[in-house]
Amino acid sequence: MVQGCGNFVNPLTQQWNLSIAPNKPSKAAAKPIDKTKPTLKVLHLSDLHIDRKYTVGLEAQCGEPQCCRPIEDPEEIFMQKPNTNNAGDKIVQPAGKWGTVADCDTPYWLFTNMLDHIAATHKDIDYVVVSGDLESHADWDYTRERHQEMVKNSSDTIRDRLNNLPTFFAVGNHEGVPIDRKSSCKIEIRFRNRKFRASLHAREVPHGLAVRNDGGCVEWMGARGSDGYGVVVS
């Protein structure tokens, strides 16, 4: 850090005191499921965070916010000295083939292998809900074009590998460019990210979703299945 810039405060290491409202209601007992009524089997996929740059054997403790991938900028200021193949350093924790418990995301082949396993072992799934965050955590590398390609590729892959089951998508905070950008319905229309949001939701419309869309503000999406059940994705 440059000297003379004041005292740096890391918000991730600070203690926050939050006052909890009093008079918390008592926990209600769960109602037993009526086993005489029909049921549906739903596959919920969430926070896949697929990293297309994941590379087996690279450093999982690299010092960057995102590891198991090539170092983006060797001249970047790191929180700690990075361990990297590029600099010839010894690998401390090599990235595994099927993912790594570290600051790493999901390799694409783990995603497809998981879908193939689900398709082979769970043939009674009625529909699929994908609740967003398809992209990796490398948010400094986000572009609209790559996000659109990822949504298209992921949605096509899920439907193809799961025999075209009805699939309903929501958009997570990592689908925003930049990250967390979402057109709230409280934002004036002229400030909304209309065209980009519409392009992300375009993949969902063919599966019968009714979209409540007001100038790029997607309030909710819903559909009704053949058995009369309803799906609402907010």
Protein backbone atom coordinates (compact mmCIF):
# COMPACT_ATOMS: atom_id res chain seq x y z
CA MET A 1 0.00 0.00 0.00
CA VAL A 2 1.14 3.58 -0.67
CA GLN A 3 2.29 5.34 2.50
CA GLY A 4 0.34 8.38 3.68
CA CYS A 5 -3.07 7.26 2.41
CA GLY A 6 -4.58 7.01 5.86
CA ASN A 7 -5.46 3.98 7.96
CA PHE A 8 -6.73 1.08 5.89
CA VAL A 9 -9.77 -0.69 7.36
CA ASN A 10 -10.65 -4.15 6.08
CA PRO A 11 -14.45 -4.46 6.44
CA LEU A 12 -14.18 -8.25 6.29
CA THR A 13 -12.35 -8.35 9.62
CA GLN A 14 -14.51 -5.84 11.50
CA GLN A 15 -17.09 -6.72 14.15
CA TRP A 16 -20.63 -5.60 13.38
CA ASN A 17 -23.28 -5.29 16.09
CA LEU A 18 -26.80 -5.76 14.81
CA SER A 19 -29.80 -5.22 17.05
CA ILE A 20 -32.39 -7.97 16.71
CA ALA A 21 -36.01 -6.95 16.97
CA PRO A 22 -37.68 -8.25 20.17
CA ASN A 23 -40.80 -10.42 20.48
CA LYS A 24 -39.64 -13.14 18.15
CA PRO A 25 -42.60 -15.42 17.38
CA SER A 26 -42.39 -18.98 18.60
CA LYS A 27 -41.44 -21.64 16.12
CA ALA A 28 -44.46 -23.32 14.61
CA ALA A 29 -44.47 -27.08 14.37
CA ALA A 30 -44.13 -28.39 10.82
CA LYS A 31 -47.34 -29.74 9.37
CA PRO A 32 -47.15 -33.39 8.36
CA ILE A 33 -47.26 -34.09 4.62
CA ASP A 34 -50.47 -35.63 3.40
CA LYS A 35 -49.18 -38.82 1.78
CA THR A 36 -52.45 -39.36 -0.05
CA LYS A 37 -51.85 -36.34 -2.29
CA PRO A 38 -49.71 -36.42 -5.45
CA THR A 39 -46.13 -35.15 -5.25
CA LEU A 40 -43.59 -33.77 -7.69
CA LYS A 41 -39.85 -34.32 -7.79
CA VAL A 42 -37.92 -31.11 -8.45
CA LEU A 43 -34.22 -30.73 -9.23
CA HIS A 44 -32.86 -27.45 -7.86
CA LEU A 45 -29.51 -26.27 -9.24
CA SER A 46 -28.00 -23.22 -7.57
CA ASP A 47 -24.72 -21.29 -7.65
CA LEU A 48 -22.96 -23.46 -10.21
CA HIS A 49 -20.22 -20.81 -10.67
CA ILE A 50 -18.62 -22.44 -13.70
CA ASP A 51 -15.04 -21.36 -14.38
CA ARG A 52 -14.15 -21.89 -18.03
CA LYS A 53 -10.51 -21.10 -17.23
CA TYR A 54 -10.20 -23.79 -14.54
CA THR A 55 -6.95 -25.66 -15.18
CA VAL A 56 -6.00 -28.95 -13.54
CA GLY A 57 -2.65 -28.75 -11.74
CA LEU A 58 -2.49 -24.99 -11.28
CA GLU A 59 -2.17 -23.44 -7.82
CA ALA A 60 -5.25 -23.52 -5.59
CA GLN A 61 -3.60 -21.21 -3.03
CA CYS A 62 -2.58 -18.50 -5.47
CA GLY A 63 -3.18 -15.37 -3.37
CA GLU A 64 -5.71 -13.98 -5.87
CA PRO A 65 -9.45 -13.89 -5.18
CA GLN A 66 -9.85 -16.67 -7.78
CA CYS A 67 -7.43 -19.59 -8.09
CA CYS A 68 -7.11 -22.88 -10.04
CA ARG A 69 -6.76 -20.76 -13.18
CA PRO A 70 -3.96 -18.83 -14.91
CA ILE A 71 -2.83 -15.65 -13.16
CA GLU A 72 -4.52 -12.76 -14.95
CA ASP A 73 -1.93 -10.08 -14.17
CA PRO A 74 1.45 -11.01 -12.59
CA GLU A 75 2.02 -7.32 -11.74
CA GLU A 76 -1.17 -7.03 -9.69
CA ILE A 77 -0.88 -6.15 -5.99
CA PHE A 78 -1.71 -9.34 -4.06
CA MET A 79 -2.86 -9.85 -0.50
CA GLN A 80 0.01 -12.33 -0.30
CA LYS A 81 2.73 -13.49 -2.67
CA PRO A 82 1.05 -15.71 -5.26
CA ASN A 83 2.18 -19.24 -5.96
CA THR A 84 1.99 -19.72 -9.69
CA ASN A 85 3.25 -21.94 -12.45
CA ASN A 86 3.97 -18.80 -14.45
CA ALA A 87 6.63 -17.64 -12.00
CA GLY A 88 8.13 -21.11 -11.56
CA ASP A 89 7.10 -21.35 -7.91
CA LYS A 90 6.49 -24.74 -6.33
CA ILE A 91 2.81 -25.69 -6.37
CA VAL A 92 1.47 -25.88 -2.80
CA GLN A 93 -2.00 -27.25 -3.63
CA PRO A 94 -2.58 -28.35 -7.23
CA ALA A 95 -6.07 -27.96 -8.67
CA GLY A 96 -7.81 -31.34 -8.86
CA LYS A 97 -9.66 -32.70 -11.87
CA TRP A 98 -13.10 -32.62 -10.23
CA GLY A 99 -12.73 -29.31 -8.40
CA THR A 100 -10.79 -28.17 -5.35
CA VAL A 101 -11.82 -27.07 -1.86
CA ALA A 102 -10.11 -23.68 -2.03
CA ASP A 103 -10.69 -20.30 -3.68
CA CYS A 104 -11.70 -22.09 -6.87
CA ASP A 105 -14.89 -22.53 -8.85
CA THR A 106 -16.46 -25.39 -10.80
CA PRO A 107 -14.71 -26.93 -13.83
CA TYR A 108 -17.05 -27.29 -16.80
CA TRP A 109 -16.60 -31.07 -17.02
CA LEU A 110 -17.78 -31.46 -13.41
CA PHE A 111 -20.97 -29.63 -14.41
CA THR A 112 -21.66 -31.95 -17.38
CA ASN A 113 -20.67 -35.10 -15.45
CA MET A 114 -23.08 -34.15 -12.66
CA LEU A 115 -25.94 -33.71 -15.14
CA ASP A 116 -25.19 -37.08 -16.75
CA HIS A 117 -25.20 -38.77 -13.34
CA ILE A 118 -28.51 -37.13 -12.40
CA ALA A 119 -30.08 -38.17 -15.70
CA ALA A 120 -28.95 -41.78 -15.20
CA THR A 121 -29.98 -42.15 -11.55
CA HIS A 122 -33.07 -39.92 -11.23
CA LYS A 123 -35.41 -40.63 -14.12
CA ASP A 124 -38.51 -39.42 -12.26
CA ILE A 125 -37.72 -35.67 -12.11
CA ASP A 126 -40.71 -33.51 -13.06
CA TYR A 127 -38.98 -30.17 -13.62
CA VAL A 128 -35.78 -28.24 -12.96
CA VAL A 129 -35.23 -24.89 -11.23
CA VAL A 130 -31.92 -23.09 -11.80
CA SER A 131 -31.61 -20.20 -9.36
CA GLY A 132 -28.79 -18.23 -10.98
CA ASP A 133 -25.10 -17.54 -10.47
CA LEU A 134 -23.82 -19.52 -13.44
CA GLU A 135 -20.68 -17.38 -13.80
CA SER A 136 -17.43 -17.74 -11.84
CA HIS A 137 -16.39 -15.41 -9.02
CA ALA A 138 -13.83 -13.68 -11.30
CA ASP A 139 -16.08 -10.63 -11.47
CA TRP A 140 -13.27 -8.33 -12.69
CA ASP A 141 -13.33 -10.37 -15.91
CA TYR A 142 -17.07 -10.07 -16.63
CA THR A 143 -18.39 -8.99 -20.03
CA ARG A 144 -21.93 -8.94 -21.39
CA GLU A 145 -20.97 -11.13 -24.34
CA ARG A 146 -19.48 -13.89 -22.16
CA HIS A 147 -22.46 -13.77 -19.80
CA GLN A 148 -24.91 -14.16 -22.67
CA GLU A 149 -22.87 -17.05 -24.06
CA MET A 150 -22.70 -18.71 -20.62
CA VAL A 151 -26.47 -18.47 -20.09
CA LYS A 152 -27.11 -19.91 -23.56
CA ASN A 153 -24.54 -22.69 -23.18
CA SER A 154 -25.62 -23.66 -19.66
CA SER A 155 -29.34 -23.66 -20.44
CA ASP A 156 -28.80 -25.70 -23.62
CA THR A 157 -26.54 -28.16 -21.76
CA ILE A 158 -29.01 -28.65 -18.90
CA ARG A 159 -31.93 -29.30 -21.24
CA ASP A 160 -29.90 -31.55 -23.52
CA ARG A 161 -28.40 -33.69 -20.74
CA LEU A 162 -31.66 -33.89 -18.78
CA ASN A 163 -33.78 -34.95 -21.75
CA ASN A 164 -35.37 -31.53 -22.25
CA LEU A 165 -37.15 -31.45 -18.89
CA PRO A 166 -39.11 -28.24 -18.21
CA THR A 167 -36.46 -25.91 -16.83
CA PHE A 168 -37.01 -22.54 -15.15
CA PHE A 169 -34.23 -20.01 -14.61
CA ALA A 170 -33.70 -17.11 -12.26
CA VAL A 171 -30.95 -14.51 -12.64
CA GLY A 172 -28.48 -14.23 -9.76
CA ASN A 173 -26.25 -11.36 -8.70
CA HIS A 174 -23.33 -12.84 -10.66
CA GLU A 175 -25.26 -12.51 -13.92
CA GLY A 176 -25.02 -8.74 -13.60
CA VAL A 177 -22.38 -6.78 -15.52
CA PRO A 178 -20.87 -5.38 -13.41
CA ILE A 179 -21.60 -7.83 -10.60
CA ASP A 180 -24.74 -7.19 -8.51
CA ARG A 181 -26.26 -4.99 -11.21
CA LYS A 182 -29.97 -5.71 -11.24
CA SER A 183 -32.72 -3.47 -12.53
CA SER A 184 -34.81 -2.96 -9.44
CA CYS A 185 -38.40 -1.98 -10.05
CA LYS A 186 -37.75 1.09 -7.88
CA ILE A 187 -35.12 2.43 -10.30
CA GLU A 188 -36.19 4.94 -12.92
CA ILE A 189 -36.70 3.32 -16.34
CA ARG A 190 -33.98 5.46 -17.96
CA PHE A 191 -31.37 3.93 -15.61
CA ARG A 192 -32.37 0.29 -16.10
CA ASN A 193 -30.20 -2.20 -17.93
CA ARG A 194 -33.07 -3.17 -20.22
CA LYS A 195 -31.60 -4.84 -23.31
CA PHE A 196 -29.09 -6.94 -21.39
CA ARG A 197 -31.63 -8.17 -18.84
CA ALA A 198 -34.06 -9.04 -21.62
CA SER A 199 -31.40 -11.07 -23.42
CA LEU A 200 -30.72 -13.15 -20.30
CA HIS A 201 -34.41 -13.91 -19.82
CA ALA A 202 -34.96 -14.72 -23.51
CA ARG A 203 -33.67 -18.24 -22.88
CA GLU A 204 -36.51 -18.90 -20.45
CA VAL A 205 -39.50 -17.73 -22.48
CA PRO A 206 -39.74 -20.82 -24.77
CA HIS A 207 -40.63 -22.97 -21.75
CA GLY A 208 -43.90 -21.19 -21.13
CA LEU A 209 -42.87 -18.58 -18.61
CA ALA A 210 -45.12 -15.58 -18.14
CA VAL A 211 -42.78 -12.66 -17.54
CA ARG A 212 -43.86 -9.53 -15.67
CA ASN A 213 -41.47 -7.10 -17.32
CA ASP A 214 -41.73 -3.33 -17.01
CA GLY A 215 -39.04 -1.51 -18.95
CA GLY A 216 -36.33 -4.03 -18.12
CA CYS A 217 -37.56 -4.56 -14.57
CA VAL A 218 -38.32 -8.27 -14.27
CA GLU A 219 -40.57 -8.47 -11.23
CA TRP A 220 -41.42 -12.15 -11.48
CA MET A 221 -41.76 -15.07 -13.88
CA GLY A 222 -44.33 -17.81 -13.60
CA ALA A 223 -45.66 -20.87 -15.38
CA ARG A 224 -48.35 -23.48 -14.89
CA GLY A 225 -47.55 -27.13 -15.52
CA SER A 226 -49.73 -29.80 -17.06
CA ASP A 227 -50.74 -31.07 -13.61
CA GLY A 228 -51.95 -27.64 -12.52
CA TYR A 229 -48.94 -26.77 -10.33
CA GLY A 230 -47.48 -23.27 -10.50
CA VAL A 231 -43.86 -22.15 -10.65
CA VAL A 232 -42.95 -18.58 -9.71
CA VAL A 233 -39.35 -17.38 -9.95
CA SER A 234 -38.71 -13.97 -8.45
